[in-house]
PDB file of N, CA and C in Angstrom:
ATOM      1  N   MET A   1       0.812  -1.186   0.000  1.00  0.00           N
ATOM      2  CA  MET A   1       0.000   0.000   0.000  1.00  0.00           C
ATOM      3  C   MET A   1       0.863   1.261   0.000  1.00  0.00           C
ATOM      4  N   TYR A   2       1.837   1.345   0.913  1.00  0.00           N
ATOM      5  CA  TYR A   2       2.655   2.552   1.002  1.00  0.00           C
ATOM      6  C   TYR A   2       3.512   2.742  -0.237  1.00  0.00           C
ATOM      7  N   LEU A   3       4.023   1.652  -0.765  1.00  0.00           N
ATOM      8  CA  LEU A   3       4.823   1.740  -1.982  1.00  0.00           C
ATOM      9  C   LEU A   3       4.002   2.356  -3.105  1.00  0.00           C
ATOM     10  N   GLN A   4       2.765   1.925  -3.243  1.00  0.00           N
ATOM     11  CA  GLN A   4       1.888   2.462  -4.277  1.00  0.00           C
ATOM     12  C   GLN A   4       1.605   3.950  -4.043  1.00  0.00           C
ATOM     13  N   VAL A   5       1.410   4.342  -2.801  1.00  0.00           N
ATOM     14  CA  VAL A   5       1.144   5.751  -2.480  1.00  0.00           C
ATOM     15  C   VAL A   5       2.333   6.617  -2.879  1.00  0.00           C
ATOM     16  N   PHE A   6       3.535   6.189  -2.523  1.00  0.00           N
ATOM     17  CA  PHE A   6       4.722   6.980  -2.855  1.00  0.00           C
ATOM     18  C   PHE A   6       4.983   6.994  -4.359  1.00  0.00           C
ATOM     19  N   ARG A   7       4.774   5.882  -5.039  1.00  0.00           N
ATOM     20  CA  ARG A   7       4.928   5.850  -6.501  1.00  0.00           C
ATOM     21  C   ARG A   7       3.956   6.823  -7.168  1.00  0.00           C
ATOM     22  N   GLU A   8       2.709   6.779  -6.721  1.00  0.00           N
ATOM     23  CA  GLU A   8       1.688   7.666  -7.289  1.00  0.00           C
ATOM     24  C   GLU A   8       2.021   9.126  -7.003  1.00  0.00           C
ATOM     25  N   ALA A   9       2.527   9.404  -5.813  1.00  0.00           N
ATOM     26  CA  ALA A   9       2.903  10.779  -5.465  1.00  0.00           C
ATOM     27  C   ALA A   9       4.012  11.289  -6.386  1.00  0.00           C
ATOM     28  N   LYS A  10       4.997  10.449  -6.641  1.00  0.00           N
ATOM     29  CA  LYS A  10       6.087  10.843  -7.546  1.00  0.00           C
ATOM     30  C   LYS A  10       5.569  11.026  -8.967  1.00  0.00           C
ATOM     31  N   ARG A  11       4.705  10.121  -9.392  1.00  0.00           N
ATOM     32  CA  ARG A  11       4.185  10.155 -10.769  1.00  0.00           C
ATOM     33  C   ARG A  11       3.310  11.377 -11.022  1.00  0.00           C
ATOM     34  N   THR A  12       2.547  11.779 -10.030  1.00  0.00           N
ATOM     35  CA  THR A  12       1.591  12.875 -10.218  1.00  0.00           C
ATOM     36  C   THR A  12       2.057  14.184  -9.583  1.00  0.00           C
ATOM     37  N   ALA A  13       3.347  14.273  -9.269  1.00  0.00           N
ATOM     38  CA  ALA A  13       3.891  15.471  -8.618  1.00  0.00           C
ATOM     39  C   ALA A  13       3.565  16.723  -9.434  1.00  0.00           C
ATOM     40  N   PRO A  14       3.313  17.819  -8.745  1.00  0.00           N
ATOM     41  CA  PRO A  14       3.437  18.047  -7.308  1.00  0.00           C
ATOM     42  C   PRO A  14       2.314  17.350  -6.538  1.00  0.00           C
ATOM     43  N   SER A  15       2.675  16.799  -5.393  1.00  0.00           N
ATOM     44  CA  SER A  15       1.696  16.047  -4.609  1.00  0.00           C
ATOM     45  C   SER A  15       2.066  16.063  -3.127  1.00  0.00           C
ATOM     46  N   ILE A  16       1.132  15.558  -2.328  1.00  0.00           N
ATOM     47  CA  ILE A  16       1.307  15.497  -0.877  1.00  0.00           C
ATOM     48  C   ILE A  16       1.043  14.068  -0.420  1.00  0.00           C
ATOM     49  N   VAL A  17       1.947  13.541   0.390  1.00  0.00           N
ATOM     50  CA  VAL A  17       1.738  12.255   1.057  1.00  0.00           C
ATOM     51  C   VAL A  17       1.375  12.602   2.497  1.00  0.00           C
ATOM     52  N   TYR A  18       0.185  12.232   2.901  1.00  0.00           N
ATOM     53  CA  TYR A  18      -0.355  12.609   4.212  1.00  0.00           C
ATOM     54  C   TYR A  18      -0.355  11.410   5.154  1.00  0.00           C
ATOM     55  N   LEU A  19       0.298  11.563   6.300  1.00  0.00           N
ATOM     56  CA  LEU A  19       0.371  10.520   7.326  1.00  0.00           C
ATOM     57  C   LEU A  19      -0.249  11.080   8.607  1.00  0.00           C
ATOM     58  N   PRO A  20      -1.566  10.951   8.778  1.00  0.00           N
ATOM     59  CA  PRO A  20      -2.227  11.551   9.936  1.00  0.00           C
ATOM     60  C   PRO A  20      -1.967  10.778  11.229  1.00  0.00           C
ATOM     61  N   HIS A  21      -1.917  11.512  12.325  1.00  0.00           N
ATOM     62  CA  HIS A  21      -1.822  10.936  13.677  1.00  0.00           C
ATOM     63  C   HIS A  21      -0.686   9.924  13.799  1.00  0.00           C
ATOM     64  N   ILE A  22       0.472  10.294  13.330  1.00  0.00           N
ATOM     65  CA  ILE A  22       1.603   9.361  13.304  1.00  0.00           C
ATOM     66  C   ILE A  22       1.969   8.872  14.704  1.00  0.00           C
ATOM     67  N   HIS A  23       1.713   9.673  15.718  1.00  0.00           N
ATOM     68  CA  HIS A  23       2.034   9.272  17.093  1.00  0.00           C
ATOM     69  C   HIS A  23       1.186   8.097  17.575  1.00  0.00           C
ATOM     70  N   GLN A  24       0.031   7.885  16.947  1.00  0.00           N
ATOM     71  CA  GLN A  24      -0.855   6.793  17.365  1.00  0.00           C
ATOM     72  C   GLN A  24      -0.505   5.465  16.700  1.00  0.00           C
ATOM     73  N   TRP A  25      -0.211   5.480  15.420  1.00  0.00           N
ATOM     74  CA  TRP A  25      -0.020   4.212  14.723  1.00  0.00           C
ATOM     75  C   TRP A  25       1.435   3.805  14.574  1.00  0.00           C
ATOM     76  N   TRP A  26       2.377   4.743  14.609  1.00  0.00           N
ATOM     77  CA  TRP A  26       3.790   4.390  14.402  1.00  0.00           C
ATOM     78  C   TRP A  26       4.289   3.358  15.421  1.00  0.00           C
ATOM     79  N   PRO A  27       4.013   3.527  16.706  1.00  0.00           N
ATOM     80  CA  PRO A  27       4.534   2.555  17.682  1.00  0.00           C
ATOM     81  C   PRO A  27       3.905   1.159  17.589  1.00  0.00           C
ATOM     82  N   VAL A  28       2.748   1.033  16.968  1.00  0.00           N
ATOM     83  CA  VAL A  28       2.060  -0.264  16.971  1.00  0.00           C
ATOM     84  C   VAL A  28       2.180  -1.041  15.656  1.00  0.00           C
ATOM     85  N   VAL A  29       2.625  -0.381  14.578  1.00  0.00           N
ATOM     86  CA  VAL A  29       2.816  -1.133  13.333  1.00  0.00           C
ATOM     87  C   VAL A  29       4.122  -1.913  13.430  1.00  0.00           C
ATOM     88  N   GLY A  30       4.242  -2.939  12.634  1.00  0.00           N
ATOM     89  CA  GLY A  30       5.421  -3.793  12.680  1.00  0.00           C
ATOM     90  C   GLY A  30       6.676  -3.119  12.157  1.00  0.00           C
ATOM     91  N   GLU A  31       7.789  -3.722  12.485  1.00  0.00           N
ATOM     92  CA  GLU A  31       9.090  -3.209  12.056  1.00  0.00           C
ATOM     93  C   GLU A  31       9.194  -3.161  10.534  1.00  0.00           C
ATOM     94  N   THR A  32       8.582  -4.124   9.849  1.00  0.00           N
ATOM     95  CA  THR A  32       8.627  -4.142   8.384  1.00  0.00           C
ATOM     96  C   THR A  32       7.945  -2.915   7.800  1.00  0.00           C
ATOM     97  N   VAL A  33       6.799  -2.547   8.337  1.00  0.00           N
ATOM     98  CA  VAL A  33       6.069  -1.367   7.841  1.00  0.00           C
ATOM     99  C   VAL A  33       6.886  -0.105   8.112  1.00  0.00           C
ATOM    100  N   ARG A  34       7.406   0.027   9.329  1.00  0.00           N
ATOM    101  CA  ARG A  34       8.209   1.214   9.661  1.00  0.00           C
ATOM    102  C   ARG A  34       9.436   1.308   8.759  1.00  0.00           C
ATOM    103  N   SER A  35      10.100   0.203   8.567  1.00  0.00           N
ATOM    104  CA  SER A  35      11.294   0.185   7.722  1.00  0.00           C
ATOM    105  C   SER A  35      10.958   0.555   6.278  1.00  0.00           C
ATOM    106  N   THR A  36       9.846   0.029   5.786  1.00  0.00           N
ATOM    107  CA  THR A  36       9.412   0.340   4.416  1.00  0.00           C
ATOM    108  C   THR A  36       9.129   1.828   4.263  1.00  0.00           C
ATOM    109  N   ILE A  37       8.392   2.400   5.206  1.00  0.00           N
ATOM    110  CA  ILE A  37       8.064   3.825   5.131  1.00  0.00           C
ATOM    111  C   ILE A  37       9.329   4.672   5.204  1.00  0.00           C
ATOM    112  N   LEU A  38      10.235   4.345   6.111  1.00  0.00           N
ATOM    113  CA  LEU A  38      11.476   5.107   6.238  1.00  0.00           C
ATOM    114  C   LEU A  38      12.320   5.013   4.973  1.00  0.00           C
ATOM    115  N   THR A  39      12.357   3.849   4.345  1.00  0.00           N
ATOM    116  CA  THR A  39      13.089   3.691   3.092  1.00  0.00           C
ATOM    117  C   THR A  39      12.457   4.528   1.986  1.00  0.00           C
ATOM    118  N   LEU A  40      11.128   4.505   1.900  1.00  0.00           N
ATOM    119  CA  LEU A  40      10.437   5.294   0.881  1.00  0.00           C
ATOM    120  C   LEU A  40      10.686   6.789   1.083  1.00  0.00           C
ATOM    121  N   ILE A  41      10.699   7.223   2.328  1.00  0.00           N
ATOM    122  CA  ILE A  41      10.981   8.632   2.616  1.00  0.00           C
ATOM    123  C   ILE A  41      12.418   8.968   2.227  1.00  0.00           C
ATOM    124  N   SER A  42      13.358   8.110   2.592  1.00  0.00           N
ATOM    125  CA  SER A  42      14.774   8.338   2.276  1.00  0.00           C
ATOM    126  C   SER A  42      15.021   8.356   0.774  1.00  0.00           C
ATOM    127  N   ASP A  43      14.231   7.586   0.034  1.00  0.00           N
ATOM    128  CA  ASP A  43      14.401   7.511  -1.418  1.00  0.00           C
ATOM    129  C   ASP A  43      13.798   8.695  -2.171  1.00  0.00           C
ATOM    130  N   LEU A  44      13.042   9.539  -1.469  1.00  0.00           N
ATOM    131  CA  LEU A  44      12.481  10.714  -2.142  1.00  0.00           C
ATOM    132  C   LEU A  44      13.604  11.677  -2.519  1.00  0.00           C
ATOM    133  N   ASP A  45      13.600  12.119  -3.745  1.00  0.00           N
ATOM    134  CA  ASP A  45      14.575  13.108  -4.196  1.00  0.00           C
ATOM    135  C   ASP A  45      14.249  14.432  -3.503  1.00  0.00           C
ATOM    136  N   PRO A  46      15.213  15.041  -2.811  1.00  0.00           N
ATOM    137  CA  PRO A  46      14.936  16.293  -2.102  1.00  0.00           C
ATOM    138  C   PRO A  46      14.441  17.420  -3.005  1.00  0.00           C
ATOM    139  N   SER A  47      14.746  17.328  -4.287  1.00  0.00           N
ATOM    140  CA  SER A  47      14.293  18.378  -5.204  1.00  0.00           C
ATOM    141  C   SER A  47      12.942  18.064  -5.845  1.00  0.00           C
ATOM    142  N   SER A  48      12.387  16.881  -5.561  1.00  0.00           N
ATOM    143  CA  SER A  48      11.093  16.538  -6.158  1.00  0.00           C
ATOM    144  C   SER A  48       9.972  17.286  -5.437  1.00  0.00           C
ATOM    145  N   PRO A  49       8.945  17.647  -6.162  1.00  0.00           N
ATOM    146  CA  PRO A  49       7.840  18.406  -5.564  1.00  0.00           C
ATOM    147  C   PRO A  49       6.828  17.502  -4.854  1.00  0.00           C
ATOM    148  N   VAL A  50       7.317  16.721  -3.893  1.00  0.00           N
ATOM    149  CA  VAL A  50       6.448  15.861  -3.086  1.00  0.00           C
ATOM    150  C   VAL A  50       6.595  16.309  -1.636  1.00  0.00           C
ATOM    151  N   LEU A  51       5.490  16.695  -1.050  1.00  0.00           N
ATOM    152  CA  LEU A  51       5.479  17.119   0.350  1.00  0.00           C
ATOM    153  C   LEU A  51       5.029  15.950   1.211  1.00  0.00           C
ATOM    154  N   LEU A  52       5.826  15.622   2.207  1.00  0.00           N
ATOM    155  CA  LEU A  52       5.452  14.595   3.176  1.00  0.00           C
ATOM    156  C   LEU A  52       4.902  15.333   4.389  1.00  0.00           C
ATOM    157  N   LEU A  53       3.626  15.120   4.677  1.00  0.00           N
ATOM    158  CA  LEU A  53       2.956  15.817   5.777  1.00  0.00           C
ATOM    159  C   LEU A  53       2.460  14.798   6.784  1.00  0.00           C
ATOM    160  N   ALA A  54       3.064  14.801   7.963  1.00  0.00           N
ATOM    161  CA  ALA A  54       2.652  13.904   9.042  1.00  0.00           C
ATOM    162  C   ALA A  54       2.133  14.771  10.190  1.00  0.00           C
ATOM    163  N   THR A  55       1.026  14.357  10.776  1.00  0.00           N
ATOM    164  CA  THR A  55       0.464  15.121  11.892  1.00  0.00           C
ATOM    165  C   THR A  55       0.555  14.309  13.175  1.00  0.00           C
ATOM    166  N   SER A  56       0.609  15.056  14.288  1.00  0.00           N
ATOM    167  CA  SER A  56       0.678  14.430  15.599  1.00  0.00           C
ATOM    168  C   SER A  56       0.139  15.400  16.635  1.00  0.00           C
ATOM    169  N   GLU A  57      -0.484  14.853  17.660  1.00  0.00           N
ATOM    170  CA  GLU A  57      -0.944  15.679  18.767  1.00  0.00           C
ATOM    171  C   GLU A  57       0.100  15.729  19.878  1.00  0.00           C
ATOM    172  N   GLN A  58       1.222  15.065  19.671  1.00  0.00           N
ATOM    173  CA  GLN A  58       2.320  15.102  20.629  1.00  0.00           C
ATOM    174  C   GLN A  58       3.330  16.143  20.191  1.00  0.00           C
ATOM    175  N   GLY A  59       4.105  16.617  21.139  1.00  0.00           N
ATOM    176  CA  GLY A  59       5.197  17.512  20.808  1.00  0.00           C
ATOM    177  C   GLY A  59       6.273  16.785  20.033  1.00  0.00           C
ATOM    178  N   HIS A  60       7.045  17.507  19.264  1.00  0.00           N
ATOM    179  CA  HIS A  60       8.095  16.917  18.434  1.00  0.00           C
ATOM    180  C   HIS A  60       9.039  16.060  19.260  1.00  0.00           C
ATOM    181  N   GLU A  61       9.435  16.553  20.424  1.00  0.00           N
ATOM    182  CA  GLU A  61      10.385  15.825  21.263  1.00  0.00           C
ATOM    183  C   GLU A  61       9.802  14.550  21.856  1.00  0.00           C
ATOM    184  N   GLU A  62       8.476  14.394  21.830  1.00  0.00           N
ATOM    185  CA  GLU A  62       7.824  13.198  22.364  1.00  0.00           C
ATOM    186  C   GLU A  62       7.656  12.095  21.323  1.00  0.00           C
ATOM    187  N   LEU A  63       7.872  12.417  20.056  1.00  0.00           N
ATOM    188  CA  LEU A  63       7.702  11.431  18.993  1.00  0.00           C
ATOM    189  C   LEU A  63       8.822  10.403  19.014  1.00  0.00           C
ATOM    190  N   ASP A  64       8.557   9.262  18.421  1.00  0.00           N
ATOM    191  CA  ASP A  64       9.555   8.215  18.290  1.00  0.00           C
ATOM    192  C   ASP A  64      10.794   8.771  17.597  1.00  0.00           C
ATOM    193  N   PHE A  65      11.958   8.329  18.006  1.00  0.00           N
ATOM    194  CA  PHE A  65      13.222   8.830  17.469  1.00  0.00           C
ATOM    195  C   PHE A  65      13.271   8.736  15.942  1.00  0.00           C
ATOM    196  N   GLU A  66      12.825   7.621  15.380  1.00  0.00           N
ATOM    197  CA  GLU A  66      12.862   7.440  13.920  1.00  0.00           C
ATOM    198  C   GLU A  66      12.031   8.501  13.210  1.00  0.00           C
ATOM    199  N   VAL A  67      10.903   8.867  13.786  1.00  0.00           N
ATOM    200  CA  VAL A  67      10.040   9.887  13.191  1.00  0.00           C
ATOM    201  C   VAL A  67      10.668  11.265  13.370  1.00  0.00           C
ATOM    202  N   ARG A  68      11.150  11.517  14.557  1.00  0.00           N
ATOM    203  CA  ARG A  68      11.736  12.826  14.887  1.00  0.00           C
ATOM    204  C   ARG A  68      12.924  13.154  13.999  1.00  0.00           C
ATOM    205  N   THR A  69      13.762  12.183  13.722  1.00  0.00           N
ATOM    206  CA  THR A  69      14.978  12.467  12.956  1.00  0.00           C
ATOM    207  C   THR A  69      14.707  12.667  11.468  1.00  0.00           C
ATOM    208  N   ARG A  70      13.498  12.393  11.031  1.00  0.00           N
ATOM    209  CA  ARG A  70      13.160  12.607   9.632  1.00  0.00           C
ATOM    210  C   ARG A  70      12.225  13.785   9.427  1.00  0.00           C
ATOM    211  N   SER A  71      11.951  14.518  10.477  1.00  0.00           N
ATOM    212  CA  SER A  71      11.101  15.694  10.314  1.00  0.00           C
ATOM    213  C   SER A  71      11.988  16.930  10.271  1.00  0.00           C
ATOM    214  N   TYR A  72      11.712  17.777   9.319  1.00  0.00           N
ATOM    215  CA  TYR A  72      12.536  18.956   9.122  1.00  0.00           C
ATOM    216  C   TYR A  72      11.829  20.222   9.595  1.00  0.00           C
ATOM    217  N   CYS A  73      10.536  20.262   9.466  1.00  0.00           N
ATOM    218  CA  CYS A  73       9.751  21.394   9.951  1.00  0.00           C
ATOM    219  C   CYS A  73       8.607  20.839  10.776  1.00  0.00           C
ATOM    220  N   TYR A  74       8.292  21.510  11.833  1.00  0.00           N
ATOM    221  CA  TYR A  74       7.158  21.060  12.626  1.00  0.00           C
ATOM    222  C   TYR A  74       6.484  22.247  13.287  1.00  0.00           C
ATOM    223  N   PHE A  75       5.190  22.127  13.476  1.00  0.00           N
ATOM    224  CA  PHE A  75       4.407  23.134  14.168  1.00  0.00           C
ATOM    225  C   PHE A  75       4.278  22.746  15.618  1.00  0.00           C
ATOM    226  N   GLN A  76       4.326  23.729  16.450  1.00  0.00           N
ATOM    227  CA  GLN A  76       4.066  23.517  17.857  1.00  0.00           C
ATOM    228  C   GLN A  76       2.996  24.512  18.252  1.00  0.00           C
ATOM    229  N   LYS A  77       2.027  24.070  18.990  1.00  0.00           N
ATOM    230  CA  LYS A  77       0.960  24.978  19.397  1.00  0.00           C
ATOM    231  C   LYS A  77       0.906  25.057  20.922  1.00  0.00           C
ATOM    232  N   PRO A  78       1.799  25.858  21.507  1.00  0.00           N
ATOM    233  CA  PRO A  78       1.715  26.032  22.952  1.00  0.00           C
ATOM    234  C   PRO A  78       0.694  27.112  23.287  1.00  0.00           C
ATOM    235  N   TYR A  79      -0.282  26.748  24.068  1.00  0.00           N
ATOM    236  CA  TYR A  79      -1.327  27.660  24.492  1.00  0.00           C
ATOM    237  C   TYR A  79      -2.053  28.276  23.306  1.00  0.00           C
ATOM    238  N   SER A  80      -1.848  29.589  23.050  1.00  0.00           N
ATOM    239  CA  SER A  80      -2.633  30.218  22.000  1.00  0.00           C
ATOM    240  C   SER A  80      -1.817  30.624  20.777  1.00  0.00           C
ATOM    241  N   SER A  81      -0.503  30.429  20.812  1.00  0.00           N
ATOM    242  CA  SER A  81       0.310  30.822  19.659  1.00  0.00           C
ATOM    243  C   SER A  81       0.719  29.578  18.878  1.00  0.00           C
ATOM    244  N   VAL A  82       1.052  29.803  17.628  1.00  0.00           N
ATOM    245  CA  VAL A  82       1.531  28.706  16.771  1.00  0.00           C
ATOM    246  C   VAL A  82       2.950  29.053  16.357  1.00  0.00           C
ATOM    247  N   GLU A  83       3.836  28.097  16.501  1.00  0.00           N
ATOM    248  CA  GLU A  83       5.233  28.296  16.181  1.00  0.00           C
ATOM    249  C   GLU A  83       5.674  27.253  15.156  1.00  0.00           C
ATOM    250  N   LEU A  84       6.330  27.690  14.097  1.00  0.00           N
ATOM    251  CA  LEU A  84       6.871  26.773  13.087  1.00  0.00           C
ATOM    252  C   LEU A  84       8.375  26.720  13.267  1.00  0.00           C
ATOM    253  N   THR A  85       8.900  25.527  13.400  1.00  0.00           N
ATOM    254  CA  THR A  85      10.331  25.340  13.554  1.00  0.00           C
ATOM    255  C   THR A  85      10.833  24.494  12.393  1.00  0.00           C
ATOM    256  N   CYS A  86      11.858  24.953  11.724  1.00  0.00           N
ATOM    257  CA  CYS A  86      12.471  24.183  10.636  1.00  0.00           C
ATOM    258  C   CYS A  86      13.895  23.866  11.020  1.00  0.00           C
ATOM    259  N   LEU A  87      14.281  22.616  10.820  1.00  0.00           N
ATOM    260  CA  LEU A  87      15.633  22.174  11.170  1.00  0.00           C
ATOM    261  C   LEU A  87      16.479  22.051   9.949  1.00  0.00           C
TER     262      LEU A  87
END
């Protein structure tokens, strides 16, 4: 399934690959699924017009290490302000 999503995203670029609520499903899916997704993300050409958008209700520092190290920009919503951080 994920392979097809990433192939289609590349084929129909510009496109967005949306991974909602990553904090909920990432810890419970198998190692094979996590490894496949990480490989597909790593294989994306940085200059290709494909946006990977993952959402989480947890703070960036609370996410799994594998997810955290592959995120470059993240929103944080402390109280009433919204802050965008890009690494």
